[in-house]
Protein backbone atom coordinates (compact mmCIF):
# COMPACT_ATOMS: atom_id res chain seq x y z
CA GLN A 1 -34.22 63.40 -6.32
CA VAL A 2 -33.34 61.49 -9.52
CA GLN A 3 -33.47 57.86 -9.81
CA LEU A 4 -31.95 56.09 -12.93
CA VAL A 5 -32.58 52.20 -13.36
CA GLU A 6 -31.27 50.57 -15.97
CA SER A 7 -32.17 47.02 -17.09
CA GLY A 8 -32.57 44.37 -20.13
CA GLY A 9 -28.78 43.61 -20.33
CA GLY A 10 -27.99 39.80 -20.53
CA LEU A 11 -26.08 37.17 -22.41
CA VAL A 12 -26.30 37.59 -26.52
CA GLN A 13 -24.19 36.14 -29.27
CA ALA A 14 -22.16 38.16 -31.56
CA GLY A 15 -23.96 39.79 -34.08
CA GLY A 16 -27.22 39.40 -31.83
CA SER A 17 -29.41 42.00 -30.56
CA LEU A 18 -30.44 43.56 -26.87
CA ARG A 19 -32.26 46.36 -26.02
CA LEU A 20 -31.53 48.76 -22.93
CA SER A 21 -33.95 50.39 -20.89
CA CYS A 22 -33.42 53.27 -18.57
CA ALA A 23 -36.37 54.14 -16.51
CA ALA A 24 -36.01 57.59 -14.46
CA SER A 25 -38.26 58.84 -11.56
CA GLY A 26 -37.49 62.50 -10.31
CA ILE A 27 -36.87 63.78 -13.46
CA ILE A 28 -38.53 64.22 -17.05
CA LEU A 29 -35.97 62.76 -19.53
CA ARG A 30 -37.50 64.69 -22.51
CA PHE A 31 -36.29 68.36 -20.71
CA VAL A 32 -32.81 66.96 -20.67
CA THR A 33 -29.98 65.31 -22.39
CA MET A 34 -29.45 61.83 -21.27
CA GLY A 35 -26.06 59.95 -21.98
CA TRP A 36 -25.48 55.83 -22.33
CA TYR A 37 -22.16 54.86 -20.95
CA ARG A 38 -20.24 51.63 -20.62
CA GLN A 39 -17.29 50.33 -18.40
CA ALA A 40 -15.89 46.97 -19.48
CA PRO A 41 -13.42 45.37 -17.08
CA GLY A 42 -9.97 47.34 -16.87
CA LYS A 43 -11.31 49.94 -18.81
CA GLN A 44 -12.31 53.58 -18.58
CA ARG A 45 -16.06 54.43 -18.66
CA GLU A 46 -16.96 55.47 -21.78
CA LEU A 47 -19.80 57.66 -23.36
CA VAL A 48 -21.61 55.37 -26.24
CA ALA A 49 -24.66 57.51 -27.01
CA VAL A 50 -26.27 60.68 -26.31
CA ILE A 51 -29.86 61.82 -26.93
CA PRO A 52 -30.55 65.75 -26.35
CA SER A 53 -33.65 67.12 -25.01
CA GLY A 54 -33.87 68.24 -28.39
CA GLY A 55 -31.65 67.73 -31.47
CA SER A 56 -30.18 64.58 -33.00
CA PRO A 57 -29.08 61.74 -31.21
CA ASN A 58 -25.02 61.25 -31.20
CA TYR A 59 -22.71 58.17 -30.76
CA ALA A 60 -19.45 57.05 -30.49
CA ASP A 61 -17.87 55.84 -33.40
CA SER A 62 -17.16 52.44 -31.81
CA VAL A 63 -21.37 51.76 -32.07
CA LYS A 64 -22.44 54.18 -34.75
CA GLY A 65 -24.18 52.43 -37.34
CA ARG A 66 -25.09 49.59 -35.18
CA PHE A 67 -26.47 51.47 -31.98
CA THR A 68 -29.85 53.34 -31.37
CA VAL A 69 -30.94 55.88 -28.56
CA SER A 70 -34.37 56.83 -28.42
CA ARG A 71 -36.93 57.88 -25.82
CA ASP A 72 -40.35 57.00 -25.17
CA ASN A 73 -41.89 60.04 -23.10
CA ALA A 74 -44.64 58.63 -22.21
CA LYS A 75 -42.65 55.95 -20.05
CA ASN A 76 -40.10 58.60 -19.22
CA THR A 77 -37.55 55.79 -20.28
CA VAL A 78 -34.65 56.15 -22.51
CA TYR A 79 -33.62 53.05 -24.86
CA LEU A 80 -30.30 51.72 -26.22
CA GLN A 81 -31.13 49.65 -29.14
CA MET A 82 -27.92 47.49 -29.66
CA ASN A 83 -27.53 45.38 -32.86
CA ALA A 84 -25.11 43.52 -34.82
CA VAL A 85 -23.05 43.02 -31.21
CA LYS A 86 -19.48 42.32 -30.76
CA PRO A 87 -17.74 40.71 -28.09
CA GLU A 88 -16.10 44.17 -27.11
CA ASP A 89 -19.17 45.42 -26.51
CA THR A 90 -19.19 43.50 -23.25
CA ALA A 91 -19.41 46.02 -20.18
CA VAL A 92 -21.66 47.54 -17.57
CA TYR A 93 -24.22 49.61 -19.02
CA TYR A 94 -24.98 52.88 -17.51
CA CYS A 95 -27.37 55.81 -18.29
CA ASN A 96 -27.00 58.97 -16.68
CA LEU A 97 -27.47 62.96 -17.51
CA HIS A 98 -25.11 64.38 -19.67
CA PRO A 99 -22.79 66.04 -19.32
CA GLN A 100 -23.50 66.83 -15.99
CA HIS A 101 -23.81 63.51 -14.21
CA ASP A 102 -26.30 62.68 -11.05
CA TYR A 103 -25.55 59.64 -8.83
CA TRP A 104 -24.73 56.44 -10.63
CA GLY A 105 -27.11 53.35 -10.66
CA GLN A 106 -25.97 49.98 -10.77
CA GLY A 107 -26.16 49.68 -14.85
CA THR A 108 -26.96 46.52 -16.23
CA GLN A 109 -24.69 43.85 -17.47
CA VAL A 110 -23.94 42.85 -21.20
CA THR A 111 -21.85 40.02 -22.11
CA VAL A 112 -21.76 39.18 -26.19
CA SER A 113 -20.61 35.62 -26.55
CA SER A 114 -17.98 35.06 -30.00
């Protein structure tokens, strides 16, 4: 069974950087398409980045140019590098298979102070 554990969240000032990690077991990430999602209070969960098994990553317009998704095959981990963060990036961030999700993990909280 797939297990996905997000980590790396925390408090960061606007304009700063943060790297989120998604460690996987029960699946080989380089063979699947993974997505990073976020959900802010009072808002729907949204897809922010996708890294395919092959091909180029894709990003939501709201994060394009600021966030970068990558994969470390040796560690079976995907990352979300967040640069130039904004207060509106504040949310719980999740990783999951895309588009057919497995069980959602606990996510990792990112809070951006203004």
